[in-house]
């Protein structure tokens, strides 16, 4: 879970928070789930300046790729590659969770 938190991607946290408690230790599982829900509510750590600069560079580089003469297919491919980078920067730049396999983290988990 610590890796997910450090990356700002709550994959495992979401599984625990949204899962159904089963087994012989429901109290322990519910305690873990409550802890995870609290962590989701806090949100990820803010981006470092280095992370922010790296993501800005990636996005600027992709935008610059669109500037020359490009076929429609190439422009669409660059746009498809650029879109998730913009979403990631928009969310993480606002201290929101980002998960590539979801659309957007629920607003109730916003810090």
Foldseek 3Di string as FASTA:
>chain_A
DVVCLAVLACPVLCCLLVDDDDDDCSVVSVVVNVVSLVVLLVFHDADDPVVLVVLVVVLVVLVVVVPDDDDPVVNVVSVVVNVVSVVVCVQNNQRHGDHPVDDGPDPNSYD
